[in-house]
Amino acid sequence: MCFGAPMSAQAKPNSPSARTNGYRGERKPWLTLLEQRVSRAQSGLNARRTRLLQEILDNADDNHFLSSRALAKRYNVDKATIVRTVQVLGYKRYAEFTADLRGHFIARITPYTLMKSAAREKRTLAAHVEHSLEMDMHNLHALRSSLDADRVIEVAKRLNRARRILVVGVDFAAGLAYLLAYGLVSLGYNAEAPVGSGGSLHQKISLLGPKDLVIAISFGRCLQATVDAVLHARQNGVPTFGITDSDKTPIARFSDFFWTASIANPSFHGSYVAPFAAMDALFVACAHVQPKRALAMLRRKDQDSKSRWYSPRGMETNSDVKESNHDATE
């Protein structure tokens, strides 16, 4: 888990670099390091090399592990063409190019590419399942080794100072957003995880101000609606906190501060074991930042929800009767 640079160290929303990275107007997609190099070198690339690079990037999952000779053979060009094209992008060595190509592939992973990659592996069905469990354990160990309790407490104190908290998560991350908001409300925080369109999110964020907080949860390439929510919040002066899986994702780049928790897994949607664990640590810190409030809220919820728990019809346990009588005398 790591934290991002303060806002002063990041590009400001109205700066030229910010506009290039998709802060305003154009809705330009977030660029990987390799895409940035291609964009900068565009004037020095002829049409043939441009097409070649586009083919290589579009099929990064098949290309990132190939040697220059194998890559040249795949696209029916000579090795020198590959080397010169890489040099035009500013790389001194082919290995530097393939490292960025792999980073591009990881950043552009989709459920399809995940499943496609997993299907190529020569594993039995049982081995695929075991591999998934092993990856979950690895993600938890990585989180545990980097989890800083003081940093978790710092975020809990920020949440405690916030007037309102809006948690944004879309698609699979919507479940994470709902759980985080629900847990915070249970502890006495004014939190919400809105559902609906991007326009609905935009309206909700428009009502927030500097005393509020937007929490954005998205991973990998990050979903447009979630990134737009962060950008809109920052334009309105609303502090932003991101939960993502790399310090190079749009959520990490555009949020005022962030945590990273890996979702690496051969499953088509990734694994949320590590983000859930990080949120659990945050719940513990939030509860103990204001223990009296947390206890009062949890007790009230416990009293209000007794009828939700299963018990045989028409029967009441002695403990229920005693607790009810005890509550009535207080």
Protein backbone atom coordinates (compact mmCIF):
# COMPACT_ATOMS: atom_id res chain seq x y z
CA MET A 1 0.00 0.00 0.00
CA CYS A 2 1.41 3.40 -0.82
CA PHE A 3 0.43 7.02 -0.79
CA GLY A 4 0.61 9.51 -3.60
CA ALA A 5 2.36 12.81 -3.75
CA PRO A 6 0.55 15.84 -2.36
CA MET A 7 -1.48 17.90 -4.77
CA SER A 8 1.26 20.51 -5.05
CA ALA A 9 3.53 17.88 -6.59
CA GLN A 10 0.98 16.90 -9.22
CA ALA A 11 -0.14 18.69 -12.36
CA LYS A 12 -2.75 21.36 -11.66
CA PRO A 13 -6.13 20.97 -13.37
CA ASN A 14 -5.65 24.04 -15.60
CA SER A 15 -2.05 23.46 -16.60
CA PRO A 16 -1.06 22.41 -20.15
CA SER A 17 0.25 19.06 -18.87
CA ALA A 18 -3.02 18.47 -17.07
CA ARG A 19 -5.00 19.13 -20.22
CA THR A 20 -2.76 16.71 -22.10
CA ASN A 21 -3.48 14.01 -19.53
CA GLY A 22 -7.23 14.37 -19.78
CA TYR A 23 -8.20 16.93 -17.15
CA ARG A 24 -10.38 19.06 -19.35
CA GLY A 25 -12.54 19.21 -22.42
CA GLU A 26 -11.10 16.65 -24.81
CA ARG A 27 -11.82 13.52 -22.74
CA LYS A 28 -8.50 12.29 -24.11
CA PRO A 29 -7.82 8.73 -22.89
CA TRP A 30 -5.15 8.24 -20.25
CA LEU A 31 -1.83 7.46 -21.92
CA THR A 32 0.64 4.80 -20.84
CA LEU A 33 4.35 5.65 -20.87
CA LEU A 34 4.70 3.94 -24.24
CA GLU A 35 1.71 5.79 -25.69
CA GLN A 36 3.20 9.07 -24.48
CA ARG A 37 6.44 8.31 -26.33
CA VAL A 38 4.54 7.43 -29.51
CA SER A 39 2.56 10.66 -29.25
CA ARG A 40 5.69 12.78 -28.77
CA ALA A 41 7.51 11.04 -31.65
CA GLN A 42 4.59 11.30 -34.09
CA SER A 43 6.27 13.90 -36.28
CA GLY A 44 9.27 11.60 -36.79
CA LEU A 45 7.21 8.52 -37.72
CA ASN A 46 6.16 7.78 -41.26
CA ALA A 47 2.83 6.08 -42.01
CA ARG A 48 4.41 2.61 -42.19
CA ARG A 49 6.08 2.87 -38.78
CA THR A 50 2.94 4.37 -37.26
CA ARG A 51 0.90 1.38 -38.44
CA LEU A 52 3.57 -1.01 -37.19
CA LEU A 53 3.61 0.53 -33.72
CA GLN A 54 -0.17 0.54 -33.55
CA GLU A 55 -0.24 -3.17 -34.38
CA ILE A 56 2.38 -3.88 -31.72
CA LEU A 57 0.50 -1.89 -29.06
CA ASP A 58 -2.89 -3.37 -29.98
CA ASN A 59 -1.47 -6.87 -29.48
CA ALA A 60 0.79 -6.15 -26.52
CA ASP A 61 -0.30 -9.35 -24.78
CA ASP A 62 1.28 -11.36 -27.60
CA ASN A 63 4.28 -9.10 -28.14
CA HIS A 64 5.71 -7.97 -24.81
CA PHE A 65 7.82 -11.13 -24.34
CA LEU A 66 9.16 -11.38 -27.93
CA SER A 67 12.74 -10.64 -28.93
CA SER A 68 13.37 -8.02 -31.61
CA ARG A 69 14.03 -10.80 -34.12
CA ALA A 70 10.78 -12.63 -33.24
CA LEU A 71 8.81 -9.38 -33.35
CA ALA A 72 10.24 -8.54 -36.77
CA LYS A 73 9.33 -12.00 -38.05
CA ARG A 74 5.78 -11.67 -36.77
CA TYR A 75 5.19 -8.43 -38.67
CA ASN A 76 7.18 -9.39 -41.80
CA VAL A 77 9.83 -6.71 -41.42
CA ASP A 78 13.56 -6.96 -40.84
CA LYS A 79 15.10 -6.65 -37.39
CA ALA A 80 16.74 -3.32 -38.28
CA THR A 81 13.28 -1.80 -38.89
CA ILE A 82 12.21 -2.77 -35.38
CA VAL A 83 15.39 -1.40 -33.83
CA ARG A 84 15.19 1.92 -35.73
CA THR A 85 11.51 2.32 -34.87
CA VAL A 86 12.26 1.78 -31.19
CA GLN A 87 15.09 4.32 -31.38
CA VAL A 88 12.78 6.93 -32.91
CA LEU A 89 10.70 6.60 -29.73
CA GLY A 90 13.78 7.54 -27.68
CA TYR A 91 14.74 4.09 -26.38
CA LYS A 92 18.45 3.28 -26.24
CA ARG A 93 17.88 -0.44 -25.80
CA TYR A 94 15.20 -2.82 -27.04
CA ALA A 95 14.81 -4.18 -23.48
CA GLU A 96 13.62 -0.73 -22.33
CA PHE A 97 10.97 -0.78 -25.04
CA THR A 98 9.72 -4.25 -24.08
CA ALA A 99 9.56 -3.21 -20.40
CA ASP A 100 7.26 -0.31 -21.34
CA LEU A 101 5.34 -2.60 -23.70
CA ARG A 102 4.67 -4.95 -20.79
CA GLY A 103 3.60 -1.98 -18.65
CA HIS A 104 1.26 -0.94 -21.46
CA PHE A 105 -0.22 -4.45 -21.58
CA ILE A 106 -0.81 -4.51 -17.80
CA ALA A 107 -2.38 -1.04 -17.86
CA ARG A 108 -4.67 -2.02 -20.72
CA ILE A 109 -5.77 -5.37 -19.26
CA THR A 110 -9.46 -6.12 -19.70
CA PRO A 111 -11.50 -9.15 -18.55
CA TYR A 112 -11.07 -10.57 -22.07
CA THR A 113 -7.27 -10.26 -22.10
CA LEU A 114 -7.07 -11.77 -18.61
CA MET A 115 -9.13 -14.77 -19.62
CA LYS A 116 -7.26 -15.08 -22.92
CA SER A 117 -3.91 -15.13 -21.14
CA ALA A 118 -5.08 -17.65 -18.54
CA ALA A 119 -6.57 -19.93 -21.21
CA ARG A 120 -3.19 -20.20 -22.95
CA GLU A 121 -1.53 -21.67 -19.88
CA LYS A 122 -1.18 -25.42 -19.83
CA ARG A 123 -2.91 -25.98 -16.50
CA THR A 124 -5.51 -28.42 -15.33
CA LEU A 125 -8.82 -27.05 -14.06
CA ALA A 126 -7.74 -27.78 -10.48
CA ALA A 127 -4.43 -26.01 -11.09
CA HIS A 128 -6.27 -22.89 -12.30
CA VAL A 129 -8.27 -22.85 -9.06
CA GLU A 130 -5.14 -23.37 -6.93
CA HIS A 131 -3.36 -20.60 -8.81
CA SER A 132 -6.22 -18.21 -8.06
CA LEU A 133 -6.01 -18.94 -4.33
CA GLU A 134 -2.24 -18.57 -4.38
CA MET A 135 -2.54 -15.15 -6.05
CA ASP A 136 -5.03 -14.02 -3.40
CA MET A 137 -2.62 -15.04 -0.66
CA HIS A 138 0.22 -13.24 -2.43
CA ASN A 139 -1.85 -10.04 -2.67
CA LEU A 140 -2.66 -10.20 1.05
CA HIS A 141 0.99 -10.78 1.98
CA ALA A 142 2.02 -7.84 -0.20
CA LEU A 143 -0.58 -5.63 1.47
CA ARG A 144 0.48 -6.76 4.94
CA SER A 145 4.14 -6.07 4.27
CA SER A 146 3.43 -2.51 3.07
CA LEU A 147 0.53 -1.59 5.35
CA ASP A 148 1.48 1.32 7.60
CA ALA A 149 -0.86 1.63 10.60
CA ASP A 150 -0.01 5.31 11.03
CA ARG A 151 -1.07 6.01 7.46
CA VAL A 152 -4.36 4.17 7.98
CA ILE A 153 -4.98 6.24 11.11
CA GLU A 154 -4.17 9.41 9.15
CA VAL A 155 -6.87 8.57 6.58
CA ALA A 156 -9.34 7.71 9.36
CA LYS A 157 -8.76 11.16 10.87
CA ARG A 158 -9.33 12.77 7.48
CA LEU A 159 -12.63 10.90 7.18
CA ASN A 160 -13.55 12.00 10.67
CA ARG A 161 -13.05 15.65 9.72
CA ALA A 162 -15.08 15.37 6.50
CA ARG A 163 -18.59 16.77 6.54
CA ARG A 164 -19.79 14.42 3.80
CA ILE A 165 -18.11 11.47 2.14
CA LEU A 166 -18.98 10.33 -1.38
CA VAL A 167 -17.62 6.91 -2.38
CA VAL A 168 -17.45 6.30 -6.14
CA GLY A 169 -17.11 2.83 -7.61
CA VAL A 170 -18.45 1.48 -10.92
CA ASP A 171 -19.01 -2.04 -12.26
CA PHE A 172 -17.28 -4.61 -10.00
CA ALA A 173 -15.90 -1.79 -7.84
CA ALA A 174 -19.49 -0.74 -7.04
CA GLY A 175 -19.60 -3.53 -4.45
CA LEU A 176 -16.48 -2.15 -2.79
CA ALA A 177 -17.92 1.36 -2.79
CA TYR A 178 -21.20 0.18 -1.26
CA LEU A 179 -19.42 -1.79 1.47
CA LEU A 180 -17.13 1.14 2.36
CA ALA A 181 -19.99 3.63 2.54
CA TYR A 182 -22.22 1.21 4.47
CA GLY A 183 -19.49 0.49 7.01
CA LEU A 184 -18.75 4.18 7.51
CA VAL A 185 -22.43 5.01 8.02
CA SER A 186 -22.61 2.23 10.63
CA LEU A 187 -19.85 4.04 12.53
CA GLY A 188 -21.57 7.43 12.38
CA TYR A 189 -20.03 8.96 9.26
CA ASN A 190 -22.12 10.83 6.68
CA ALA A 191 -21.16 8.60 3.75
CA GLU A 192 -22.89 7.58 0.52
CA ALA A 193 -22.09 5.38 -2.48
CA PRO A 194 -24.40 6.74 -5.20
CA VAL A 195 -25.62 4.56 -8.04
CA GLY A 196 -26.68 5.68 -11.48
CA SER A 197 -25.19 7.36 -14.52
CA GLY A 198 -22.15 9.57 -14.85
CA GLY A 199 -24.52 12.54 -14.92
CA SER A 200 -25.93 11.52 -11.54
CA LEU A 201 -22.42 11.34 -10.09
CA HIS A 202 -21.63 14.75 -11.56
CA GLN A 203 -24.66 16.28 -9.84
CA LYS A 204 -23.79 14.70 -6.49
CA ILE A 205 -20.23 15.99 -6.64
CA SER A 206 -21.42 19.46 -7.63
CA LEU A 207 -23.05 19.71 -4.18
CA LEU A 208 -19.76 19.03 -2.36
CA GLY A 209 -17.15 21.48 -1.16
CA PRO A 210 -13.71 21.72 0.47
CA LYS A 211 -14.99 20.29 3.77
CA ASP A 212 -16.19 17.10 2.07
CA LEU A 213 -14.30 14.14 0.61
CA VAL A 214 -14.62 12.00 -2.53
CA ILE A 215 -13.27 8.45 -2.38
CA ALA A 216 -12.72 6.89 -5.81
CA ILE A 217 -12.17 3.15 -6.30
CA SER A 218 -10.94 1.84 -9.66
CA PHE A 219 -8.11 -0.33 -10.96
CA GLY A 220 -5.93 -0.88 -14.02
CA ARG A 221 -6.98 1.44 -16.84
CA CYS A 222 -9.69 2.79 -14.50
CA LEU A 223 -13.25 3.43 -15.63
CA GLN A 224 -14.02 6.75 -17.26
CA ALA A 225 -16.93 7.60 -14.94
CA THR A 226 -14.75 7.14 -11.83
CA VAL A 227 -11.86 9.20 -13.22
CA ASP A 228 -14.28 11.91 -14.32
CA ALA A 229 -15.68 12.01 -10.78
CA VAL A 230 -12.18 12.65 -9.38
CA LEU A 231 -11.45 15.36 -11.95
CA HIS A 232 -14.80 17.08 -11.32
CA ALA A 233 -14.24 16.95 -7.56
CA ARG A 234 -10.80 18.54 -7.90
CA GLN A 235 -12.16 21.28 -10.13
CA ASN A 236 -14.65 22.05 -7.33
CA GLY A 237 -11.95 22.07 -4.66
CA VAL A 238 -13.17 18.81 -3.08
CA PRO A 239 -10.39 16.66 -1.54
CA THR A 240 -10.02 13.26 -3.21
CA PHE A 241 -8.76 9.90 -1.96
CA GLY A 242 -8.19 6.97 -4.31
CA ILE A 243 -8.03 3.21 -3.84
CA THR A 244 -6.32 1.60 -6.83
CA ASP A 245 -3.69 -1.01 -7.72
CA SER A 246 -0.74 1.04 -9.00
CA ASP A 247 0.81 4.45 -8.55
CA LYS A 248 0.57 4.90 -12.33
CA THR A 249 -3.21 4.54 -12.74
CA PRO A 250 -5.37 7.60 -13.49
CA ILE A 251 -6.90 7.38 -9.99
CA ALA A 252 -3.43 7.53 -8.43
CA ARG A 253 -2.30 10.35 -10.71
CA PHE A 254 -5.31 12.57 -10.22
CA SER A 255 -6.26 11.93 -6.57
CA ASP A 256 -4.82 14.09 -3.79
CA PHE A 257 -3.73 10.95 -1.94
CA PHE A 258 -4.24 7.25 -2.54
CA TRP A 259 -3.64 3.68 -1.45
CA THR A 260 -2.64 0.79 -3.67
CA ALA A 261 -3.80 -2.80 -3.20
CA SER A 262 -3.18 -5.42 -5.87
CA ILE A 263 -6.11 -7.15 -7.58
CA ALA A 264 -3.85 -9.45 -9.64
CA ASN A 265 -5.60 -12.77 -10.27
CA PRO A 266 -6.23 -15.11 -13.22
CA SER A 267 -9.98 -14.59 -12.81
CA PHE A 268 -11.58 -12.43 -15.49
CA HIS A 269 -12.49 -9.61 -13.11
CA GLY A 270 -9.45 -9.58 -10.81
CA SER A 271 -9.48 -10.22 -7.07
CA TYR A 272 -10.66 -7.77 -4.42
CA VAL A 273 -9.30 -9.64 -1.39
CA ALA A 274 -6.54 -7.06 -0.75
CA PRO A 275 -8.78 -3.97 -1.20
CA PHE A 276 -11.33 -5.54 1.18
CA ALA A 277 -8.58 -6.14 3.74
CA ALA A 278 -7.39 -2.53 3.41
CA MET A 279 -10.95 -1.29 3.95
CA ASP A 280 -11.31 -3.51 7.03
CA ALA A 281 -8.18 -1.90 8.50
CA LEU A 282 -9.72 1.50 7.79
CA PHE A 283 -12.98 0.50 9.53
CA VAL A 284 -11.02 -0.48 12.65
CA ALA A 285 -9.16 2.84 12.67
CA CYS A 286 -12.37 4.82 12.09
CA ALA A 287 -14.14 2.99 14.91
CA HIS A 288 -11.38 3.74 17.40
CA VAL A 289 -10.86 7.36 16.34
CA GLN A 290 -14.31 8.04 17.84
CA PRO A 291 -15.03 4.96 20.00
CA LYS A 292 -17.97 6.47 21.93
CA ARG A 293 -19.74 7.49 18.74
CA ALA A 294 -19.03 4.12 17.12
CA LEU A 295 -20.37 2.24 20.15
CA ALA A 296 -23.50 4.39 20.28
CA MET A 297 -24.18 3.87 16.58
CA LEU A 298 -23.53 0.14 16.70
CA ARG A 299 -25.69 -0.30 19.82
CA ARG A 300 -28.55 1.58 18.20
CA LYS A 301 -28.22 -0.50 15.08
CA ASP A 302 -28.13 -3.67 17.18
CA GLN A 303 -31.35 -2.69 18.92
CA ASP A 304 -33.09 -1.65 15.72
CA SER A 305 -32.15 -4.80 13.85
CA LYS A 306 -33.03 -7.53 16.38
CA SER A 307 -36.09 -8.48 14.37
CA ARG A 308 -33.83 -9.21 11.39
CA TRP A 309 -32.05 -12.14 13.05
CA TYR A 310 -33.50 -15.59 12.74
CA SER A 311 -35.30 -17.12 15.72
CA PRO A 312 -38.02 -19.80 15.88
CA ARG A 313 -41.44 -18.21 15.43
CA GLY A 314 -43.11 -17.23 18.69
CA MET A 315 -40.03 -18.03 20.75
CA GLU A 316 -37.79 -15.62 22.62
CA THR A 317 -34.57 -16.59 24.34
CA ASN A 318 -33.88 -15.70 27.96
CA SER A 319 -30.97 -13.54 26.86
CA ASP A 320 -33.28 -11.53 24.59
CA VAL A 321 -35.70 -10.94 27.50
CA LYS A 322 -32.92 -9.91 29.90
CA GLU A 323 -31.34 -7.57 27.36
CA SER A 324 -34.72 -6.01 26.57
CA ASN A 325 -35.45 -5.42 30.27
CA HIS A 326 -31.95 -3.99 30.79
CA ASP A 327 -32.43 -1.54 27.89
CA ALA A 328 -35.82 -0.45 29.28
CA THR A 329 -34.34 0.48 32.68
CA GLU A 330 -31.62 2.69 31.22
